[in-house]
Amino acid sequence: MEVSEEELREVYERLPPSYDRVNAHLSFWNDVRWRLQLVKVIEEGLDQNKVVLDAGSGRGELSFLIARRRKDHNRS
């Protein structure tokens, strides 16, 4: 099933605006640090040609970080 970027954006826009704020509060503002640590682990242990599944990704912050790091890595 193909989903356009626009359709995907609409789905995530329906998530409550407080979703990220609640994550931050529940983790005592460690959620960003944890995501960055996970991205480093993935980057060190995974071939750049492999696919990463971010199941239960909420608004997709982890997926965004992984994609951005891979894009930056492929430029160098």
PDB file of N, CA and C in Angstrom:
ATOM      1  N   MET A   1       0.841  -1.172   0.000  1.00  0.00           N
ATOM      2  CA  MET A   1       0.000   0.000   0.000  1.00  0.00           C
ATOM      3  C   MET A   1       0.891   1.241   0.000  1.00  0.00           C
ATOM      4  N   GLU A   2       0.730   2.047  -0.977  1.00  0.00           N
ATOM      5  CA  GLU A   2       1.491   3.295  -1.084  1.00  0.00           C
ATOM      6  C   GLU A   2       0.719   4.420  -0.399  1.00  0.00           C
ATOM      7  N   VAL A   3       1.427   5.194   0.369  1.00  0.00           N
ATOM      8  CA  VAL A   3       0.827   6.334   1.047  1.00  0.00           C
ATOM      9  C   VAL A   3       1.645   7.556   0.668  1.00  0.00           C
ATOM     10  N   SER A   4       0.972   8.588   0.256  1.00  0.00           N
ATOM     11  CA  SER A   4       1.686   9.804  -0.135  1.00  0.00           C
ATOM     12  C   SER A   4       2.176  10.540   1.109  1.00  0.00           C
ATOM     13  N   GLU A   5       3.140  11.394   0.888  1.00  0.00           N
ATOM     14  CA  GLU A   5       3.662  12.196   1.996  1.00  0.00           C
ATOM     15  C   GLU A   5       2.558  13.072   2.580  1.00  0.00           C
ATOM     16  N   GLU A   6       1.701  13.582   1.723  1.00  0.00           N
ATOM     17  CA  GLU A   6       0.591  14.421   2.180  1.00  0.00           C
ATOM     18  C   GLU A   6      -0.374  13.635   3.071  1.00  0.00           C
ATOM     19  N   GLU A   7      -0.705  12.399   2.663  1.00  0.00           N
ATOM     20  CA  GLU A   7      -1.602  11.568   3.473  1.00  0.00           C
ATOM     21  C   GLU A   7      -0.979  11.255   4.829  1.00  0.00           C
ATOM     22  N   LEU A   8       0.300  10.949   4.819  1.00  0.00           N
ATOM     23  CA  LEU A   8       1.000  10.647   6.057  1.00  0.00           C
ATOM     24  C   LEU A   8       1.033  11.866   6.969  1.00  0.00           C
ATOM     25  N   ARG A   9       1.290  13.011   6.401  1.00  0.00           N
ATOM     26  CA  ARG A   9       1.316  14.254   7.186  1.00  0.00           C
ATOM     27  C   ARG A   9      -0.052  14.503   7.832  1.00  0.00           C
ATOM     28  N   GLU A  10      -1.131  14.244   7.110  1.00  0.00           N
ATOM     29  CA  GLU A  10      -2.476  14.433   7.656  1.00  0.00           C
ATOM     30  C   GLU A  10      -2.717  13.528   8.860  1.00  0.00           C
ATOM     31  N   VAL A  11      -2.253  12.296   8.793  1.00  0.00           N
ATOM     32  CA  VAL A  11      -2.421  11.359   9.912  1.00  0.00           C
ATOM     33  C   VAL A  11      -1.710  11.893  11.149  1.00  0.00           C
ATOM     34  N   TYR A  12      -0.467  12.322  10.985  1.00  0.00           N
ATOM     35  CA  TYR A  12       0.292  12.805  12.132  1.00  0.00           C
ATOM     36  C   TYR A  12      -0.212  14.138  12.655  1.00  0.00           C
ATOM     37  N   GLU A  13      -0.797  14.936  11.792  1.00  0.00           N
ATOM     38  CA  GLU A  13      -1.349  16.210  12.243  1.00  0.00           C
ATOM     39  C   GLU A  13      -2.557  15.992  13.168  1.00  0.00           C
ATOM     40  N   ARG A  14      -3.192  14.828  13.049  1.00  0.00           N
ATOM     41  CA  ARG A  14      -4.344  14.534  13.900  1.00  0.00           C
ATOM     42  C   ARG A  14      -3.945  14.132  15.320  1.00  0.00           C
ATOM     43  N   LEU A  15      -2.674  13.778  15.525  1.00  0.00           N
ATOM     44  CA  LEU A  15      -2.229  13.439  16.880  1.00  0.00           C
ATOM     45  C   LEU A  15      -2.331  14.692  17.749  1.00  0.00           C
ATOM     46  N   PRO A  16      -2.659  14.500  19.012  1.00  0.00           N
ATOM     47  CA  PRO A  16      -2.808  15.675  19.886  1.00  0.00           C
ATOM     48  C   PRO A  16      -1.527  16.507  19.930  1.00  0.00           C
ATOM     49  N   PRO A  17      -1.668  17.818  19.913  1.00  0.00           N
ATOM     50  CA  PRO A  17      -0.501  18.697  19.983  1.00  0.00           C
ATOM     51  C   PRO A  17       0.320  18.472  21.258  1.00  0.00           C
ATOM     52  N   SER A  18      -0.305  17.930  22.268  1.00  0.00           N
ATOM     53  CA  SER A  18       0.394  17.720  23.542  1.00  0.00           C
ATOM     54  C   SER A  18       1.216  16.430  23.571  1.00  0.00           C
ATOM     55  N   TYR A  19       1.155  15.615  22.503  1.00  0.00           N
ATOM     56  CA  TYR A  19       1.829  14.306  22.495  1.00  0.00           C
ATOM     57  C   TYR A  19       3.310  14.422  22.866  1.00  0.00           C
ATOM     58  N   ASP A  20       4.044  15.307  22.190  1.00  0.00           N
ATOM     59  CA  ASP A  20       5.478  15.450  22.452  1.00  0.00           C
ATOM     60  C   ASP A  20       5.732  16.027  23.838  1.00  0.00           C
ATOM     61  N   ARG A  21       4.905  16.953  24.258  1.00  0.00           N
ATOM     62  CA  ARG A  21       5.064  17.559  25.577  1.00  0.00           C
ATOM     63  C   ARG A  21       4.852  16.520  26.672  1.00  0.00           C
ATOM     64  N   VAL A  22       3.867  15.649  26.494  1.00  0.00           N
ATOM     65  CA  VAL A  22       3.613  14.595  27.476  1.00  0.00           C
ATOM     66  C   VAL A  22       4.810  13.647  27.537  1.00  0.00           C
ATOM     67  N   ASN A  23       5.356  13.270  26.382  1.00  0.00           N
ATOM     68  CA  ASN A  23       6.556  12.421  26.371  1.00  0.00           C
ATOM     69  C   ASN A  23       7.687  13.066  27.153  1.00  0.00           C
ATOM     70  N   ALA A  24       7.896  14.341  26.937  1.00  0.00           N
ATOM     71  CA  ALA A  24       8.970  15.052  27.630  1.00  0.00           C
ATOM     72  C   ALA A  24       8.740  15.036  29.143  1.00  0.00           C
ATOM     73  N   HIS A  25       7.533  15.317  29.565  1.00  0.00           N
ATOM     74  CA  HIS A  25       7.238  15.323  31.002  1.00  0.00           C
ATOM     75  C   HIS A  25       7.391  13.939  31.615  1.00  0.00           C
ATOM     76  N   LEU A  26       6.858  12.936  30.960  1.00  0.00           N
ATOM     77  CA  LEU A  26       6.927  11.576  31.510  1.00  0.00           C
ATOM     78  C   LEU A  26       8.361  11.061  31.621  1.00  0.00           C
ATOM     79  N   SER A  27       9.219  11.525  30.748  1.00  0.00           N
ATOM     80  CA  SER A  27      10.610  11.057  30.770  1.00  0.00           C
ATOM     81  C   SER A  27      11.531  12.028  31.506  1.00  0.00           C
ATOM     82  N   PHE A  28      10.963  13.039  32.136  1.00  0.00           N
ATOM     83  CA  PHE A  28      11.756  14.090  32.792  1.00  0.00           C
ATOM     84  C   PHE A  28      12.729  14.723  31.802  1.00  0.00           C
ATOM     85  N   TRP A  29      12.248  14.957  30.600  1.00  0.00           N
ATOM     86  CA  TRP A  29      12.976  15.616  29.521  1.00  0.00           C
ATOM     87  C   TRP A  29      14.198  14.821  29.044  1.00  0.00           C
ATOM     88  N   ASN A  30      14.172  13.511  29.263  1.00  0.00           N
ATOM     89  CA  ASN A  30      15.254  12.649  28.782  1.00  0.00           C
ATOM     90  C   ASN A  30      14.945  12.033  27.431  1.00  0.00           C
ATOM     91  N   ASP A  31      13.727  12.178  26.931  1.00  0.00           N
ATOM     92  CA  ASP A  31      13.322  11.511  25.701  1.00  0.00           C
ATOM     93  C   ASP A  31      14.195  11.895  24.511  1.00  0.00           C
ATOM     94  N   VAL A  32      14.582  13.144  24.416  1.00  0.00           N
ATOM     95  CA  VAL A  32      15.428  13.574  23.302  1.00  0.00           C
ATOM     96  C   VAL A  32      16.797  12.911  23.400  1.00  0.00           C
ATOM     97  N   ARG A  33      17.364  12.900  24.599  1.00  0.00           N
ATOM     98  CA  ARG A  33      18.676  12.272  24.797  1.00  0.00           C
ATOM     99  C   ARG A  33      18.622  10.779  24.465  1.00  0.00           C
ATOM    100  N   TRP A  34      17.550  10.104  24.894  1.00  0.00           N
ATOM    101  CA  TRP A  34      17.410   8.677  24.615  1.00  0.00           C
ATOM    102  C   TRP A  34      17.327   8.417  23.116  1.00  0.00           C
ATOM    103  N   ARG A  35      16.580   9.240  22.416  1.00  0.00           N
ATOM    104  CA  ARG A  35      16.470   9.062  20.966  1.00  0.00           C
ATOM    105  C   ARG A  35      17.827   9.243  20.291  1.00  0.00           C
ATOM    106  N   LEU A  36      18.566  10.259  20.700  1.00  0.00           N
ATOM    107  CA  LEU A  36      19.889  10.491  20.106  1.00  0.00           C
ATOM    108  C   LEU A  36      20.836   9.331  20.387  1.00  0.00           C
ATOM    109  N   GLN A  37      20.778   8.775  21.598  1.00  0.00           N
ATOM    110  CA  GLN A  37      21.611   7.608  21.920  1.00  0.00           C
ATOM    111  C   GLN A  37      21.229   6.415  21.055  1.00  0.00           C
ATOM    112  N   LEU A  38      19.947   6.205  20.862  1.00  0.00           N
ATOM    113  CA  LEU A  38      19.487   5.096  20.029  1.00  0.00           C
ATOM    114  C   LEU A  38      19.926   5.275  18.581  1.00  0.00           C
ATOM    115  N   VAL A  39      19.871   6.483  18.079  1.00  0.00           N
ATOM    116  CA  VAL A  39      20.317   6.755  16.707  1.00  0.00           C
ATOM    117  C   VAL A  39      21.794   6.393  16.571  1.00  0.00           C
ATOM    118  N   LYS A  40      22.606   6.724  17.557  1.00  0.00           N
ATOM    119  CA  LYS A  40      24.037   6.391  17.514  1.00  0.00           C
ATOM    120  C   LYS A  40      24.254   4.883  17.500  1.00  0.00           C
ATOM    121  N   VAL A  41      23.496   4.159  18.322  1.00  0.00           N
ATOM    122  CA  VAL A  41      23.608   2.696  18.362  1.00  0.00           C
ATOM    123  C   VAL A  41      23.223   2.110  17.014  1.00  0.00           C
ATOM    124  N   ILE A  42      22.142   2.598  16.446  1.00  0.00           N
ATOM    125  CA  ILE A  42      21.701   2.115  15.137  1.00  0.00           C
ATOM    126  C   ILE A  42      22.754   2.418  14.088  1.00  0.00           C
ATOM    127  N   GLU A  43      23.292   3.620  14.137  1.00  0.00           N
ATOM    128  CA  GLU A  43      24.281   4.048  13.155  1.00  0.00           C
ATOM    129  C   GLU A  43      25.548   3.188  13.230  1.00  0.00           C
ATOM    130  N   GLU A  44      25.969   2.825  14.442  1.00  0.00           N
ATOM    131  CA  GLU A  44      27.184   2.035  14.630  1.00  0.00           C
ATOM    132  C   GLU A  44      26.988   0.573  14.240  1.00  0.00           C
ATOM    133  N   GLY A  45      25.790   0.044  14.465  1.00  0.00           N
ATOM    134  CA  GLY A  45      25.594  -1.379  14.292  1.00  0.00           C
ATOM    135  C   GLY A  45      24.808  -1.802  13.078  1.00  0.00           C
ATOM    136  N   LEU A  46      24.512  -0.881  12.191  1.00  0.00           N
ATOM    137  CA  LEU A  46      23.644  -1.223  11.071  1.00  0.00           C
ATOM    138  C   LEU A  46      24.223  -0.726   9.768  1.00  0.00           C
ATOM    139  N   ASP A  47      24.280  -1.603   8.814  1.00  0.00           N
ATOM    140  CA  ASP A  47      24.706  -1.250   7.462  1.00  0.00           C
ATOM    141  C   ASP A  47      23.781  -0.154   6.933  1.00  0.00           C
ATOM    142  N   GLN A  48      24.342   0.832   6.285  1.00  0.00           N
ATOM    143  CA  GLN A  48      23.546   1.967   5.786  1.00  0.00           C
ATOM    144  C   GLN A  48      22.492   1.543   4.757  1.00  0.00           C
ATOM    145  N   ASN A  49      22.621   0.357   4.200  1.00  0.00           N
ATOM    146  CA  ASN A  49      21.653  -0.105   3.206  1.00  0.00           C
ATOM    147  C   ASN A  49      20.458  -0.819   3.834  1.00  0.00           C
ATOM    148  N   LYS A  50      20.491  -1.020   5.132  1.00  0.00           N
ATOM    149  CA  LYS A  50      19.399  -1.719   5.810  1.00  0.00           C
ATOM    150  C   LYS A  50      18.242  -0.773   6.091  1.00  0.00           C
ATOM    151  N   VAL A  51      17.074  -1.370   6.269  1.00  0.00           N
ATOM    152  CA  VAL A  51      15.859  -0.615   6.561  1.00  0.00           C
ATOM    153  C   VAL A  51      15.628  -0.646   8.066  1.00  0.00           C
ATOM    154  N   VAL A  52      15.191   0.472   8.624  1.00  0.00           N
ATOM    155  CA  VAL A  52      14.882   0.557  10.046  1.00  0.00           C
ATOM    156  C   VAL A  52      13.382   0.736  10.203  1.00  0.00           C
ATOM    157  N   LEU A  53      12.763  -0.104  11.018  1.00  0.00           N
ATOM    158  CA  LEU A  53      11.336   0.014  11.301  1.00  0.00           C
ATOM    159  C   LEU A  53      11.169   0.695  12.648  1.00  0.00           C
ATOM    160  N   ASP A  54      10.521   1.817  12.659  1.00  0.00           N
ATOM    161  CA  ASP A  54      10.252   2.553  13.892  1.00  0.00           C
ATOM    162  C   ASP A  54       8.779   2.336  14.230  1.00  0.00           C
ATOM    163  N   ALA A  55       8.473   1.187  14.788  1.00  0.00           N
ATOM    164  CA  ALA A  55       7.086   0.845  15.123  1.00  0.00           C
ATOM    165  C   ALA A  55       6.657   1.590  16.381  1.00  0.00           C
ATOM    166  N   GLY A  56       5.441   2.062  16.375  1.00  0.00           N
ATOM    167  CA  GLY A  56       4.943   2.810  17.522  1.00  0.00           C
ATOM    168  C   GLY A  56       5.672   4.130  17.663  1.00  0.00           C
ATOM    169  N   SER A  57       5.889   4.786  16.528  1.00  0.00           N
ATOM    170  CA  SER A  57       6.771   5.950  16.510  1.00  0.00           C
ATOM    171  C   SER A  57       6.099   7.257  16.903  1.00  0.00           C
ATOM    172  N   GLY A  58       4.818   7.212  17.213  1.00  0.00           N
ATOM    173  CA  GLY A  58       4.161   8.467  17.587  1.00  0.00           C
ATOM    174  C   GLY A  58       4.200   9.442  16.426  1.00  0.00           C
ATOM    175  N   ARG A  59       4.843  10.559  16.643  1.00  0.00           N
ATOM    176  CA  ARG A  59       4.924  11.579  15.588  1.00  0.00           C
ATOM    177  C   ARG A  59       6.131  11.364  14.687  1.00  0.00           C
ATOM    178  N   GLY A  60       6.904  10.314  14.920  1.00  0.00           N
ATOM    179  CA  GLY A  60       7.994   9.964  14.016  1.00  0.00           C
ATOM    180  C   GLY A  60       9.309  10.674  14.264  1.00  0.00           C
ATOM    181  N   GLU A  61       9.531  11.176  15.470  1.00  0.00           N
ATOM    182  CA  GLU A  61      10.770  11.900  15.744  1.00  0.00           C
ATOM    183  C   GLU A  61      12.006  11.027  15.560  1.00  0.00           C
ATOM    184  N   LEU A  62      11.933   9.773  16.012  1.00  0.00           N
ATOM    185  CA  LEU A  62      13.073   8.879  15.871  1.00  0.00           C
ATOM    186  C   LEU A  62      13.350   8.595  14.398  1.00  0.00           C
ATOM    187  N   SER A  63      12.315   8.334  13.643  1.00  0.00           N
ATOM    188  CA  SER A  63      12.481   8.096  12.202  1.00  0.00           C
ATOM    189  C   SER A  63      13.108   9.301  11.519  1.00  0.00           C
ATOM    190  N   PHE A  64      12.666  10.489  11.912  1.00  0.00           N
ATOM    191  CA  PHE A  64      13.215  11.712  11.337  1.00  0.00           C
ATOM    192  C   PHE A  64      14.708  11.830  11.629  1.00  0.00           C
ATOM    193  N   LEU A  65      15.103  11.567  12.872  1.00  0.00           N
ATOM    194  CA  LEU A  65      16.524  11.655  13.241  1.00  0.00           C
ATOM    195  C   LEU A  65      17.368  10.641  12.474  1.00  0.00           C
ATOM    196  N   ILE A  66      16.874   9.410  12.358  1.00  0.00           N
ATOM    197  CA  ILE A  66      17.615   8.373  11.634  1.00  0.00           C
ATOM    198  C   ILE A  66      17.779   8.774  10.176  1.00  0.00           C
ATOM    199  N   ALA A  67      16.702   9.211   9.557  1.00  0.00           N
ATOM    200  CA  ALA A  67      16.763   9.602   8.141  1.00  0.00           C
ATOM    201  C   ALA A  67      17.718  10.774   7.940  1.00  0.00           C
ATOM    202  N   ARG A  68      17.665  11.738   8.833  1.00  0.00           N
ATOM    203  CA  ARG A  68      18.534  12.909   8.698  1.00  0.00           C
ATOM    204  C   ARG A  68      20.010  12.524   8.863  1.00  0.00           C
ATOM    205  N   ARG A  69      20.297  11.664   9.842  1.00  0.00           N
ATOM    206  CA  ARG A  69      21.686  11.231  10.049  1.00  0.00           C
ATOM    207  C   ARG A  69      22.187  10.441   8.848  1.00  0.00           C
ATOM    208  N   ARG A  70      21.341   9.580   8.290  1.00  0.00           N
ATOM    209  CA  ARG A  70      21.753   8.812   7.107  1.00  0.00           C
ATOM    210  C   ARG A  70      22.000   9.732   5.924  1.00  0.00           C
ATOM    211  N   LYS A  71      21.143  10.721   5.748  1.00  0.00           N
ATOM    212  CA  LYS A  71      21.312  11.665   4.651  1.00  0.00           C
ATOM    213  C   LYS A  71      22.621  12.438   4.817  1.00  0.00           C
ATOM    214  N   ASP A  72      22.890  12.911   6.035  1.00  0.00           N
ATOM    215  CA  ASP A  72      24.134  13.634   6.311  1.00  0.00           C
ATOM    216  C   ASP A  72      25.352  12.739   6.100  1.00  0.00           C
ATOM    217  N   HIS A  73      25.226  11.480   6.541  1.00  0.00           N
ATOM    218  CA  HIS A  73      26.326  10.513   6.426  1.00  0.00           C
ATOM    219  C   HIS A  73      26.630  10.202   4.945  1.00  0.00           C
ATOM    220  N   ASN A  74      25.591  10.102   4.136  1.00  0.00           N
ATOM    221  CA  ASN A  74      25.765   9.782   2.719  1.00  0.00           C
ATOM    222  C   ASN A  74      26.369  10.934   1.943  1.00  0.00           C
ATOM    223  N   ARG A  75      26.241  12.149   2.439  1.00  0.00           N
ATOM    224  CA  ARG A  75      26.841  13.317   1.775  1.00  0.00           C
ATOM    225  C   ARG A  75      28.346  13.334   1.929  1.00  0.00           C
ATOM    226  N   SER A  76      28.838  12.843   3.081  1.00  0.00           N
ATOM    227  CA  SER A  76      30.280  12.931   3.342  1.00  0.00           C
ATOM    228  C   SER A  76      31.059  11.805   2.725  1.00  0.00           C
TER     229      SER A  76
END
